[in-house]
Amino acid sequence: MNFGLFRISRRSIIAAAALLGLVPLGLGAHAALNKRPLHAAPAVEAGQPADARGTPARLALVIGNGHYPDAGAPLPQPINDARALTATLRRDGFDVDVVEDASRDDIDRAIARLKARITPQAVVMLYFGGFGIQAGRESYMIPVDAVIWREADVHRSGVSIDAVLAAIAQQGAEVKLAVIDASRRNPYERRFRGFSHGLAPIEPPDNALALSAATPGKVADDSSAPNSVLMTELLRALALPGGAEAAFTSTRTAVMRATEGAQVPVLSSSLRGEVGFGRAEASAAGPGE
């Protein structure tokens, strides 16, 4: 017998066995790489019309201005309110862009970002806390860098609330929501005549809902609480099952009760149907659905 040939054959057998052992490993790895859910939905980026479940996009721009150079002291509540509302809206499925102590450029850029993200069927919410001024028949959000000496300066330095809501509507948003907590006695009023205290009525576009802190022409004094009365009651209302109009209506009633009628928020609505918040939708779906 030729033992040399036998040794060669044995090495060949060992090598062949090793190769055969790798075949199942390769097949297993290939199967693992291709083991994906057949119906997995792609991730939906912010600003797309719906999430993976087909829910319309929910967008919010939240602005809290507290530090105005012309004011005698900072406003502590608007920034606290903006942060608290942001947390609540995010829990309810909103993609929130929050801006604090916003200059005019900051507000303009934030509005541009919001408009770029709006798609058909979107629910869009605007919140502003800080100083607001009525000029003519419009109400203006006042940036922290505003320079105001006469009424004409309000048009130049401020940002029209009605114009922002109209721009949101023009971008194709299905539902427009607004909460304006800016009916404060502002530091500019002594500088020009003919000034009307408080804010003008907000004219909501089609399918919109707007809540402002006080009756047109009236101002609301801040308390020493961390949050404004309006925001305190709004956060409570949003924590309960129900939709936007129900929450805003409940907030209005609760503010009047808490202030014994001294502060009367105004609710303006052109909604064509109720708009549910995240908690309301979860409650309606029921456990396990």
C-alpha atoms as a PDB file:
ATOM      1  CA  MET A   1       0.000   0.000   0.000  1.00  0.00           C
ATOM      2  CA  ASN A   2       1.224   3.516  -0.853  1.00  0.00           C
ATOM      3  CA  PHE A   3       1.048   5.395   2.482  1.00  0.00           C
ATOM      4  CA  GLY A   4       1.982   8.692   0.816  1.00  0.00           C
ATOM      5  CA  LEU A   5      -1.126   8.556  -1.278  1.00  0.00           C
ATOM      6  CA  PHE A   6      -3.120   7.602   1.815  1.00  0.00           C
ATOM      7  CA  ARG A   7      -1.847  10.663   3.706  1.00  0.00           C
ATOM      8  CA  ILE A   8      -2.820  12.924   0.794  1.00  0.00           C
ATOM      9  CA  SER A   9      -6.243  11.400   0.647  1.00  0.00           C
ATOM     10  CA  ARG A  10      -6.736  11.925   4.406  1.00  0.00           C
ATOM     11  CA  ARG A  11      -5.852  15.632   4.141  1.00  0.00           C
ATOM     12  CA  SER A  12      -8.241  15.943   1.213  1.00  0.00           C
ATOM     13  CA  ILE A  13     -10.987  14.317   3.227  1.00  0.00           C
ATOM     14  CA  ILE A  14     -10.428  16.660   6.183  1.00  0.00           C
ATOM     15  CA  ALA A  15     -10.444  19.716   3.914  1.00  0.00           C
ATOM     16  CA  ALA A  16     -13.593  18.549   2.174  1.00  0.00           C
ATOM     17  CA  ALA A  17     -15.318  17.975   5.508  1.00  0.00           C
ATOM     18  CA  ALA A  18     -14.402  21.471   6.649  1.00  0.00           C
ATOM     19  CA  LEU A  19     -15.809  22.966   3.468  1.00  0.00           C
ATOM     20  CA  LEU A  20     -18.981  20.960   3.852  1.00  0.00           C
ATOM     21  CA  GLY A  21     -19.322  22.304   7.400  1.00  0.00           C
ATOM     22  CA  LEU A  22     -19.199  25.892   6.134  1.00  0.00           C
ATOM     23  CA  VAL A  23     -22.063  25.372   3.717  1.00  0.00           C
ATOM     24  CA  PRO A  24     -24.846  25.311   6.355  1.00  0.00           C
ATOM     25  CA  LEU A  25     -23.260  28.323   8.095  1.00  0.00           C
ATOM     26  CA  GLY A  26     -23.323  30.272   4.852  1.00  0.00           C
ATOM     27  CA  LEU A  27     -26.908  29.289   4.183  1.00  0.00           C
ATOM     28  CA  GLY A  28     -27.905  30.285   7.712  1.00  0.00           C
ATOM     29  CA  ALA A  29     -26.249  33.677   7.412  1.00  0.00           C
ATOM     30  CA  HIS A  30     -27.916  34.301   4.064  1.00  0.00           C
ATOM     31  CA  ALA A  31     -31.287  33.415   5.554  1.00  0.00           C
ATOM     32  CA  ALA A  32     -30.720  35.705   8.546  1.00  0.00           C
ATOM     33  CA  LEU A  33     -29.808  38.638   6.328  1.00  0.00           C
ATOM     34  CA  ASN A  34     -32.967  38.171   4.335  1.00  0.00           C
ATOM     35  CA  LYS A  35     -35.286  37.582   7.298  1.00  0.00           C
ATOM     36  CA  ARG A  36     -37.210  40.924   7.186  1.00  0.00           C
ATOM     37  CA  PRO A  37     -40.897  41.605   7.843  1.00  0.00           C
ATOM     38  CA  LEU A  38     -42.621  41.515   4.492  1.00  0.00           C
ATOM     39  CA  HIS A  39     -45.008  44.360   5.345  1.00  0.00           C
ATOM     40  CA  ALA A  40     -42.757  46.734   7.307  1.00  0.00           C
ATOM     41  CA  ALA A  41     -43.728  50.377   6.612  1.00  0.00           C
ATOM     42  CA  PRO A  42     -40.975  52.867   5.790  1.00  0.00           C
ATOM     43  CA  ALA A  43     -40.127  55.544   8.338  1.00  0.00           C
ATOM     44  CA  VAL A  44     -42.050  58.784   7.817  1.00  0.00           C
ATOM     45  CA  GLU A  45     -40.086  62.012   8.140  1.00  0.00           C
ATOM     46  CA  ALA A  46     -41.455  65.174   9.753  1.00  0.00           C
ATOM     47  CA  GLY A  47     -43.562  67.139   7.341  1.00  0.00           C
ATOM     48  CA  GLN A  48     -44.876  64.179   5.363  1.00  0.00           C
ATOM     49  CA  PRO A  49     -48.663  64.051   5.110  1.00  0.00           C
ATOM     50  CA  ALA A  50     -49.127  61.003   7.309  1.00  0.00           C
ATOM     51  CA  ASP A  51     -47.295  58.681   9.629  1.00  0.00           C
ATOM     52  CA  ALA A  52     -46.927  54.926   9.163  1.00  0.00           C
ATOM     53  CA  ARG A  53     -50.478  54.409  10.397  1.00  0.00           C
ATOM     54  CA  GLY A  54     -51.931  56.933   7.968  1.00  0.00           C
ATOM     55  CA  THR A  55     -52.433  59.650  10.603  1.00  0.00           C
ATOM     56  CA  PRO A  56     -52.181  63.207   9.205  1.00  0.00           C
ATOM     57  CA  ALA A  57     -49.037  65.105  10.182  1.00  0.00           C
ATOM     58  CA  ARG A  58     -49.300  67.235  13.338  1.00  0.00           C
ATOM     59  CA  LEU A  59     -47.067  70.285  13.440  1.00  0.00           C
ATOM     60  CA  ALA A  60     -46.721  73.071  15.986  1.00  0.00           C
ATOM     61  CA  LEU A  61     -44.792  76.318  16.260  1.00  0.00           C
ATOM     62  CA  VAL A  62     -44.426  77.377  19.896  1.00  0.00           C
ATOM     63  CA  ILE A  63     -42.973  80.819  20.705  1.00  0.00           C
ATOM     64  CA  GLY A  64     -42.339  82.037  24.249  1.00  0.00           C
ATOM     65  CA  ASN A  65     -40.931  85.557  24.672  1.00  0.00           C
ATOM     66  CA  GLY A  66     -40.000  86.705  28.145  1.00  0.00           C
ATOM     67  CA  HIS A  67     -37.029  89.068  27.967  1.00  0.00           C
ATOM     68  CA  TYR A  68     -37.911  92.405  26.386  1.00  0.00           C
ATOM     69  CA  PRO A  69     -35.315  95.176  26.820  1.00  0.00           C
ATOM     70  CA  ASP A  70     -38.045  97.839  26.992  1.00  0.00           C
ATOM     71  CA  ALA A  71     -39.924  96.056  29.780  1.00  0.00           C
ATOM     72  CA  GLY A  72     -39.196  96.850  33.394  1.00  0.00           C
ATOM     73  CA  ALA A  73     -38.742  93.173  34.259  1.00  0.00           C
ATOM     74  CA  PRO A  74     -38.711  89.827  32.426  1.00  0.00           C
ATOM     75  CA  LEU A  75     -41.945  87.959  31.886  1.00  0.00           C
ATOM     76  CA  PRO A  76     -41.388  84.590  33.598  1.00  0.00           C
ATOM     77  CA  GLN A  77     -44.558  82.872  32.433  1.00  0.00           C
ATOM     78  CA  PRO A  78     -44.301  82.803  28.606  1.00  0.00           C
ATOM     79  CA  ILE A  79     -41.147  80.678  28.523  1.00  0.00           C
ATOM     80  CA  ASN A  80     -42.482  78.340  31.219  1.00  0.00           C
ATOM     81  CA  ASP A  81     -45.739  78.103  29.290  1.00  0.00           C
ATOM     82  CA  ALA A  82     -43.961  77.380  26.004  1.00  0.00           C
ATOM     83  CA  ARG A  83     -41.942  74.569  27.549  1.00  0.00           C
ATOM     84  CA  ALA A  84     -44.956  73.002  29.274  1.00  0.00           C
ATOM     85  CA  LEU A  85     -47.095  73.149  26.138  1.00  0.00           C
ATOM     86  CA  THR A  86     -44.258  71.731  24.034  1.00  0.00           C
ATOM     87  CA  ALA A  87     -44.007  68.689  26.296  1.00  0.00           C
ATOM     88  CA  THR A  88     -47.768  68.135  26.152  1.00  0.00           C
ATOM     89  CA  LEU A  89     -48.002  68.511  22.377  1.00  0.00           C
ATOM     90  CA  ARG A  90     -45.100  66.143  21.789  1.00  0.00           C
ATOM     91  CA  ARG A  91     -46.792  63.515  23.944  1.00  0.00           C
ATOM     92  CA  ASP A  92     -49.876  64.023  21.792  1.00  0.00           C
ATOM     93  CA  GLY A  93     -47.996  63.333  18.579  1.00  0.00           C
ATOM     94  CA  PHE A  94     -47.083  66.849  17.445  1.00  0.00           C
ATOM     95  CA  ASP A  95     -43.759  67.657  15.827  1.00  0.00           C
ATOM     96  CA  VAL A  96     -42.963  70.878  17.718  1.00  0.00           C
ATOM     97  CA  ASP A  97     -40.572  73.680  16.801  1.00  0.00           C
ATOM     98  CA  VAL A  98     -40.105  75.754  19.975  1.00  0.00           C
ATOM     99  CA  VAL A  99     -38.425  79.182  20.006  1.00  0.00           C
ATOM    100  CA  GLU A 100     -37.656  81.202  23.131  1.00  0.00           C
ATOM    101  CA  ASP A 101     -36.990  84.955  23.308  1.00  0.00           C
ATOM    102  CA  ALA A 102     -37.416  85.189  19.564  1.00  0.00           C
ATOM    103  CA  SER A 103     -36.217  88.157  17.546  1.00  0.00           C
ATOM    104  CA  ARG A 104     -38.050  89.201  14.386  1.00  0.00           C
ATOM    105  CA  ASP A 105     -35.588  87.166  12.312  1.00  0.00           C
ATOM    106  CA  ASP A 106     -36.088  84.163  14.622  1.00  0.00           C
ATOM    107  CA  ILE A 107     -39.855  84.329  14.142  1.00  0.00           C
ATOM    108  CA  ASP A 108     -39.569  84.775  10.379  1.00  0.00           C
ATOM    109  CA  ARG A 109     -37.240  81.768  10.109  1.00  0.00           C
ATOM    110  CA  ALA A 110     -39.474  79.651  12.334  1.00  0.00           C
ATOM    111  CA  ILE A 111     -42.520  80.486  10.209  1.00  0.00           C
ATOM    112  CA  ALA A 112     -40.569  79.618   7.059  1.00  0.00           C
ATOM    113  CA  ARG A 113     -39.592  76.247   8.587  1.00  0.00           C
ATOM    114  CA  LEU A 114     -43.198  75.575   9.516  1.00  0.00           C
ATOM    115  CA  LYS A 115     -44.510  76.443   6.062  1.00  0.00           C
ATOM    116  CA  ALA A 116     -41.927  74.157   4.445  1.00  0.00           C
ATOM    117  CA  ARG A 117     -43.176  71.202   6.512  1.00  0.00           C
ATOM    118  CA  ILE A 118     -46.908  71.689   5.936  1.00  0.00           C
ATOM    119  CA  THR A 119     -48.588  69.126   3.722  1.00  0.00           C
ATOM    120  CA  PRO A 120     -52.229  68.461   2.831  1.00  0.00           C
ATOM    121  CA  GLN A 121     -54.320  67.069   5.706  1.00  0.00           C
ATOM    122  CA  ALA A 122     -51.838  68.415   8.278  1.00  0.00           C
ATOM    123  CA  VAL A 123     -53.024  69.734  11.636  1.00  0.00           C
ATOM    124  CA  VAL A 124     -51.000  72.858  12.453  1.00  0.00           C
ATOM    125  CA  MET A 125     -50.906  74.731  15.773  1.00  0.00           C
ATOM    126  CA  LEU A 126     -49.467  78.163  16.585  1.00  0.00           C
ATOM    127  CA  TYR A 127     -48.771  79.286  20.146  1.00  0.00           C
ATOM    128  CA  PHE A 128     -47.415  82.677  21.136  1.00  0.00           C
ATOM    129  CA  GLY A 129     -46.786  83.915  24.663  1.00  0.00           C
ATOM    130  CA  GLY A 130     -45.343  87.363  25.354  1.00  0.00           C
ATOM    131  CA  PHE A 131     -46.359  90.903  24.427  1.00  0.00           C
ATOM    132  CA  GLY A 132     -48.941  91.502  21.740  1.00  0.00           C
ATOM    133  CA  ILE A 133     -50.147  94.790  20.274  1.00  0.00           C
ATOM    134  CA  GLN A 134     -53.228  95.733  18.318  1.00  0.00           C
ATOM    135  CA  ALA A 135     -52.587  98.064  15.400  1.00  0.00           C
ATOM    136  CA  GLY A 136     -55.547  98.919  13.245  1.00  0.00           C
ATOM    137  CA  ARG A 137     -57.733  95.835  13.108  1.00  0.00           C
ATOM    138  CA  GLU A 138     -54.926  93.321  13.494  1.00  0.00           C
ATOM    139  CA  SER A 139     -53.009  91.851  16.400  1.00  0.00           C
ATOM    140  CA  TYR A 140     -49.247  91.470  16.249  1.00  0.00           C
ATOM    141  CA  MET A 141     -46.795  89.187  18.040  1.00  0.00           C
ATOM    142  CA  ILE A 142     -43.964  91.353  19.322  1.00  0.00           C
ATOM    143  CA  PRO A 143     -40.377  90.048  19.002  1.00  0.00           C
ATOM    144  CA  VAL A 144     -37.906  90.744  21.796  1.00  0.00           C
ATOM    145  CA  ASP A 145     -35.843  93.046  19.551  1.00  0.00           C
ATOM    146  CA  ALA A 146     -38.799  95.215  18.460  1.00  0.00           C
ATOM    147  CA  VAL A 147     -38.187  98.963  18.327  1.00  0.00           C
ATOM    148  CA  ILE A 148     -41.567 100.629  18.744  1.00  0.00           C
ATOM    149  CA  TRP A 149     -42.184 104.362  19.172  1.00  0.00           C
ATOM    150  CA  ARG A 150     -45.415 104.805  17.206  1.00  0.00           C
ATOM    151  CA  GLU A 151     -48.167 102.651  15.757  1.00  0.00           C
ATOM    152  CA  ALA A 152     -46.478 102.436  12.359  1.00  0.00           C
ATOM    153  CA  ASP A 153     -43.546 100.674  14.036  1.00  0.00           C
ATOM    154  CA  VAL A 154     -45.868  97.864  15.123  1.00  0.00           C
ATOM    155  CA  HIS A 155     -46.547  96.967  11.489  1.00  0.00           C
ATOM    156  CA  ARG A 156     -42.814  96.943  10.735  1.00  0.00           C
ATOM    157  CA  SER A 157     -41.451  95.228  13.866  1.00  0.00           C
ATOM    158  CA  GLY A 158     -44.356  92.977  14.787  1.00  0.00           C
ATOM    159  CA  VAL A 159     -45.670  89.814  13.132  1.00  0.00           C
ATOM    160  CA  SER A 160     -49.355  89.739  12.241  1.00  0.00           C
ATOM    161  CA  ILE A 161     -51.176  86.790  13.791  1.00  0.00           C
ATOM    162  CA  ASP A 162     -53.860  86.849  11.109  1.00  0.00           C
ATOM    163  CA  ALA A 163     -51.187  86.869   8.377  1.00  0.00           C
ATOM    164  CA  VAL A 164     -49.438  83.825   9.870  1.00  0.00           C
ATOM    165  CA  LEU A 165     -52.698  81.876  10.077  1.00  0.00           C
ATOM    166  CA  ALA A 166     -53.510  82.852   6.490  1.00  0.00           C
ATOM    167  CA  ALA A 167     -50.073  81.669   5.341  1.00  0.00           C
ATOM    168  CA  ILE A 168     -50.584  78.333   7.110  1.00  0.00           C
ATOM    169  CA  ALA A 169     -53.922  77.962   5.334  1.00  0.00           C
ATOM    170  CA  GLN A 170     -52.404  78.855   1.966  1.00  0.00           C
ATOM    171  CA  GLN A 171     -49.804  76.116   2.411  1.00  0.00           C
ATOM    172  CA  GLY A 172     -52.652  73.614   2.465  1.00  0.00           C
ATOM    173  CA  ALA A 173     -52.988  72.732   6.152  1.00  0.00           C
ATOM    174  CA  GLU A 174     -56.299  71.011   6.781  1.00  0.00           C
ATOM    175  CA  VAL A 175     -56.788  72.272  10.359  1.00  0.00           C
ATOM    176  CA  LYS A 176     -55.389  75.435  11.926  1.00  0.00           C
ATOM    177  CA  LEU A 177     -55.183  75.905  15.699  1.00  0.00           C
ATOM    178  CA  ALA A 178     -53.929  78.992  17.556  1.00  0.00           C
ATOM    179  CA  VAL A 179     -53.423  79.899  21.202  1.00  0.00           C
ATOM    180  CA  ILE A 180     -52.397  83.520  21.782  1.00  0.00           C
ATOM    181  CA  ASP A 181     -51.489  84.430  25.363  1.00  0.00           C
ATOM    182  CA  ALA A 182     -50.342  88.008  24.786  1.00  0.00           C
ATOM    183  CA  SER A 183     -53.089  90.264  26.168  1.00  0.00           C
ATOM    184  CA  ARG A 184     -50.686  92.024  28.520  1.00  0.00           C
ATOM    185  CA  ARG A 185     -50.207  95.715  29.210  1.00  0.00           C
ATOM    186  CA  ASN A 186     -47.174  96.234  27.028  1.00  0.00           C
ATOM    187  CA  PRO A 187     -44.278  98.641  27.679  1.00  0.00           C
ATOM    188  CA  TYR A 188     -44.766 100.573  24.433  1.00  0.00           C
ATOM    189  CA  GLU A 189     -48.264 101.947  24.963  1.00  0.00           C
ATOM    190  CA  ARG A 190     -47.149 105.213  26.534  1.00  0.00           C
ATOM    191  CA  ARG A 191     -45.221 106.122  23.382  1.00  0.00           C
ATOM    192  CA  PHE A 192     -48.090 106.770  20.981  1.00  0.00           C
ATOM    193  CA  ARG A 193     -51.667 107.967  21.104  1.00  0.00           C
ATOM    194  CA  GLY A 194     -54.814 106.253  20.020  1.00  0.00           C
ATOM    195  CA  PHE A 195     -53.599 102.900  21.311  1.00  0.00           C
ATOM    196  CA  SER A 196     -56.219 100.315  22.210  1.00  0.00           C
ATOM    197  CA  HIS A 197     -55.285  98.084  25.121  1.00  0.00           C
ATOM    198  CA  GLY A 198     -55.322  94.358  24.505  1.00  0.00           C
ATOM    199  CA  LEU A 199     -55.656  92.622  21.163  1.00  0.00           C
ATOM    200  CA  ALA A 200     -58.033  92.762  18.237  1.00  0.00           C
ATOM    201  CA  PRO A 201     -60.326  89.816  17.524  1.00  0.00           C
ATOM    202  CA  ILE A 202     -58.609  87.021  15.623  1.00  0.00           C
ATOM    203  CA  GLU A 203     -60.287  86.191  12.330  1.00  0.00           C
ATOM    204  CA  PRO A 204     -59.672  82.466  11.821  1.00  0.00           C
ATOM    205  CA  PRO A 205     -59.385  81.130   8.279  1.00  0.00           C
ATOM    206  CA  ASP A 206     -61.522  78.219   7.149  1.00  0.00           C
ATOM    207  CA  ASN A 207     -61.465  75.165   9.423  1.00  0.00           C
ATOM    208  CA  ALA A 208     -59.574  76.911  12.217  1.00  0.00           C
ATOM    209  CA  LEU A 209     -59.826  77.405  15.958  1.00  0.00           C
ATOM    210  CA  ALA A 210     -58.247  80.305  17.873  1.00  0.00           C
ATOM    211  CA  LEU A 211     -58.100  80.955  21.605  1.00  0.00           C
ATOM    212  CA  SER A 212     -56.858  84.302  22.924  1.00  0.00           C
ATOM    213  CA  ALA A 213     -56.273  85.152  26.558  1.00  0.00           C
ATOM    214  CA  ALA A 214     -58.709  88.034  27.013  1.00  0.00           C
ATOM    215  CA  THR A 215     -61.599  89.926  25.507  1.00  0.00           C
ATOM    216  CA  PRO A 216     -60.573  92.321  22.709  1.00  0.00           C
ATOM    217  CA  GLY A 217     -59.443  95.641  24.150  1.00  0.00           C
ATOM    218  CA  LYS A 218     -58.798  94.115  27.599  1.00  0.00           C
ATOM    219  CA  VAL A 219     -55.558  93.135  29.307  1.00  0.00           C
ATOM    220  CA  ALA A 220     -54.840  90.248  31.665  1.00  0.00           C
ATOM    221  CA  ASP A 221     -52.470  90.694  34.583  1.00  0.00           C
ATOM    222  CA  ASP A 222     -49.896  87.996  35.234  1.00  0.00           C
ATOM    223  CA  SER A 223     -49.998  86.187  38.552  1.00  0.00           C
ATOM    224  CA  SER A 224     -47.022  84.972  40.572  1.00  0.00           C
ATOM    225  CA  ALA A 225     -47.661  81.377  39.479  1.00  0.00           C
ATOM    226  CA  PRO A 226     -45.132  79.627  37.231  1.00  0.00           C
ATOM    227  CA  ASN A 227     -47.687  79.431  34.409  1.00  0.00           C
ATOM    228  CA  SER A 228     -50.349  81.843  33.214  1.00  0.00           C
ATOM    229  CA  VAL A 229     -53.953  81.153  34.133  1.00  0.00           C
ATOM    230  CA  LEU A 230     -54.735  80.399  30.492  1.00  0.00           C
ATOM    231  CA  MET A 231     -51.914  77.873  30.141  1.00  0.00           C
ATOM    232  CA  THR A 232     -52.635  76.256  33.498  1.00  0.00           C
ATOM    233  CA  GLU A 233     -56.213  75.551  32.482  1.00  0.00           C
ATOM    234  CA  LEU A 234     -55.295  74.580  28.916  1.00  0.00           C
ATOM    235  CA  LEU A 235     -52.827  71.954  30.125  1.00  0.00           C
ATOM    236  CA  ARG A 236     -55.503  70.502  32.393  1.00  0.00           C
ATOM    237  CA  ALA A 237     -57.995  70.371  29.549  1.00  0.00           C
ATOM    238  CA  LEU A 238     -55.540  68.734  27.148  1.00  0.00           C
ATOM    239  CA  ALA A 239     -54.860  65.996  29.711  1.00  0.00           C
ATOM    240  CA  LEU A 240     -58.471  64.819  29.438  1.00  0.00           C
ATOM    241  CA  PRO A 241     -60.080  62.796  26.643  1.00  0.00           C
ATOM    242  CA  GLY A 242     -61.670  65.001  24.022  1.00  0.00           C
ATOM    243  CA  GLY A 243     -60.892  67.171  21.035  1.00  0.00           C
ATOM    244  CA  ALA A 244     -59.462  70.617  20.440  1.00  0.00           C
ATOM    245  CA  GLU A 245     -62.700  72.578  20.524  1.00  0.00           C
ATOM    246  CA  ALA A 246     -63.848  70.833  23.682  1.00  0.00           C
ATOM    247  CA  ALA A 247     -60.473  71.522  25.341  1.00  0.00           C
ATOM    248  CA  PHE A 248     -60.425  75.172  24.296  1.00  0.00           C
ATOM    249  CA  THR A 249     -64.023  75.684  25.428  1.00  0.00           C
ATOM    250  CA  SER A 250     -63.273  74.060  28.777  1.00  0.00           C
ATOM    251  CA  THR A 251     -60.201  76.280  29.144  1.00  0.00           C
ATOM    252  CA  ARG A 252     -62.234  79.434  28.533  1.00  0.00           C
ATOM    253  CA  THR A 253     -64.800  78.459  31.158  1.00  0.00           C
ATOM    254  CA  ALA A 254     -62.132  77.464  33.694  1.00  0.00           C
ATOM    255  CA  VAL A 255     -60.228  80.762  33.282  1.00  0.00           C
ATOM    256  CA  MET A 256     -63.381  82.782  33.869  1.00  0.00           C
ATOM    257  CA  ARG A 257     -64.099  80.730  36.970  1.00  0.00           C
ATOM    258  CA  ALA A 258     -60.535  80.958  38.297  1.00  0.00           C
ATOM    259  CA  THR A 259     -60.421  84.758  37.869  1.00  0.00           C
ATOM    260  CA  GLU A 260     -64.032  85.311  38.975  1.00  0.00           C
ATOM    261  CA  GLY A 261     -64.838  86.858  35.624  1.00  0.00           C
ATOM    262  CA  ALA A 262     -61.923  89.292  35.568  1.00  0.00           C
ATOM    263  CA  GLN A 263     -60.358  87.506  32.587  1.00  0.00           C
ATOM    264  CA  VAL A 264     -62.557  86.262  29.767  1.00  0.00           C
ATOM    265  CA  PRO A 265     -60.728  84.400  26.980  1.00  0.00           C
ATOM    266  CA  VAL A 266     -62.141  84.567  23.461  1.00  0.00           C
ATOM    267  CA  LEU A 267     -62.725  81.499  21.333  1.00  0.00           C
ATOM    268  CA  SER A 268     -63.119  81.896  17.581  1.00  0.00           C
ATOM    269  CA  SER A 269     -64.014  78.836  15.547  1.00  0.00           C
ATOM    270  CA  SER A 270     -64.631  77.902  11.932  1.00  0.00           C
ATOM    271  CA  LEU A 271     -63.938  74.201  12.481  1.00  0.00           C
ATOM    272  CA  ARG A 272     -65.879  71.799  10.304  1.00  0.00           C
ATOM    273  CA  GLY A 273     -65.367  68.907  12.714  1.00  0.00           C
ATOM    274  CA  GLU A 274     -63.711  67.989  15.981  1.00  0.00           C
ATOM    275  CA  VAL A 275     -59.941  67.526  16.076  1.00  0.00           C
ATOM    276  CA  GLY A 276     -58.800  64.844  18.498  1.00  0.00           C
ATOM    277  CA  PHE A 277     -55.585  65.023  20.452  1.00  0.00           C
ATOM    278  CA  GLY A 278     -53.320  62.027  21.098  1.00  0.00           C
ATOM    279  CA  ARG A 279     -54.837  61.093  24.410  1.00  0.00           C
ATOM    280  CA  ALA A 280     -58.340  61.364  22.971  1.00  0.00           C
ATOM    281  CA  GLU A 281     -57.432  59.082  20.082  1.00  0.00           C
ATOM    282  CA  ALA A 282     -55.834  56.525  22.392  1.00  0.00           C
ATOM    283  CA  SER A 283     -58.918  56.554  24.582  1.00  0.00           C
ATOM    284  CA  ALA A 284     -61.235  56.129  21.601  1.00  0.00           C
ATOM    285  CA  ALA A 285     -59.203  53.227  20.228  1.00  0.00           C
ATOM    286  CA  GLY A 286     -59.426  51.324  23.480  1.00  0.00           C
ATOM    287  CA  PRO A 287     -56.787  49.081  25.052  1.00  0.00           C
ATOM    288  CA  GLY A 288     -55.100  46.602  22.768  1.00  0.00           C
ATOM    289  CA  GLU A 289     -56.229  48.259  19.522  1.00  0.00           C
END
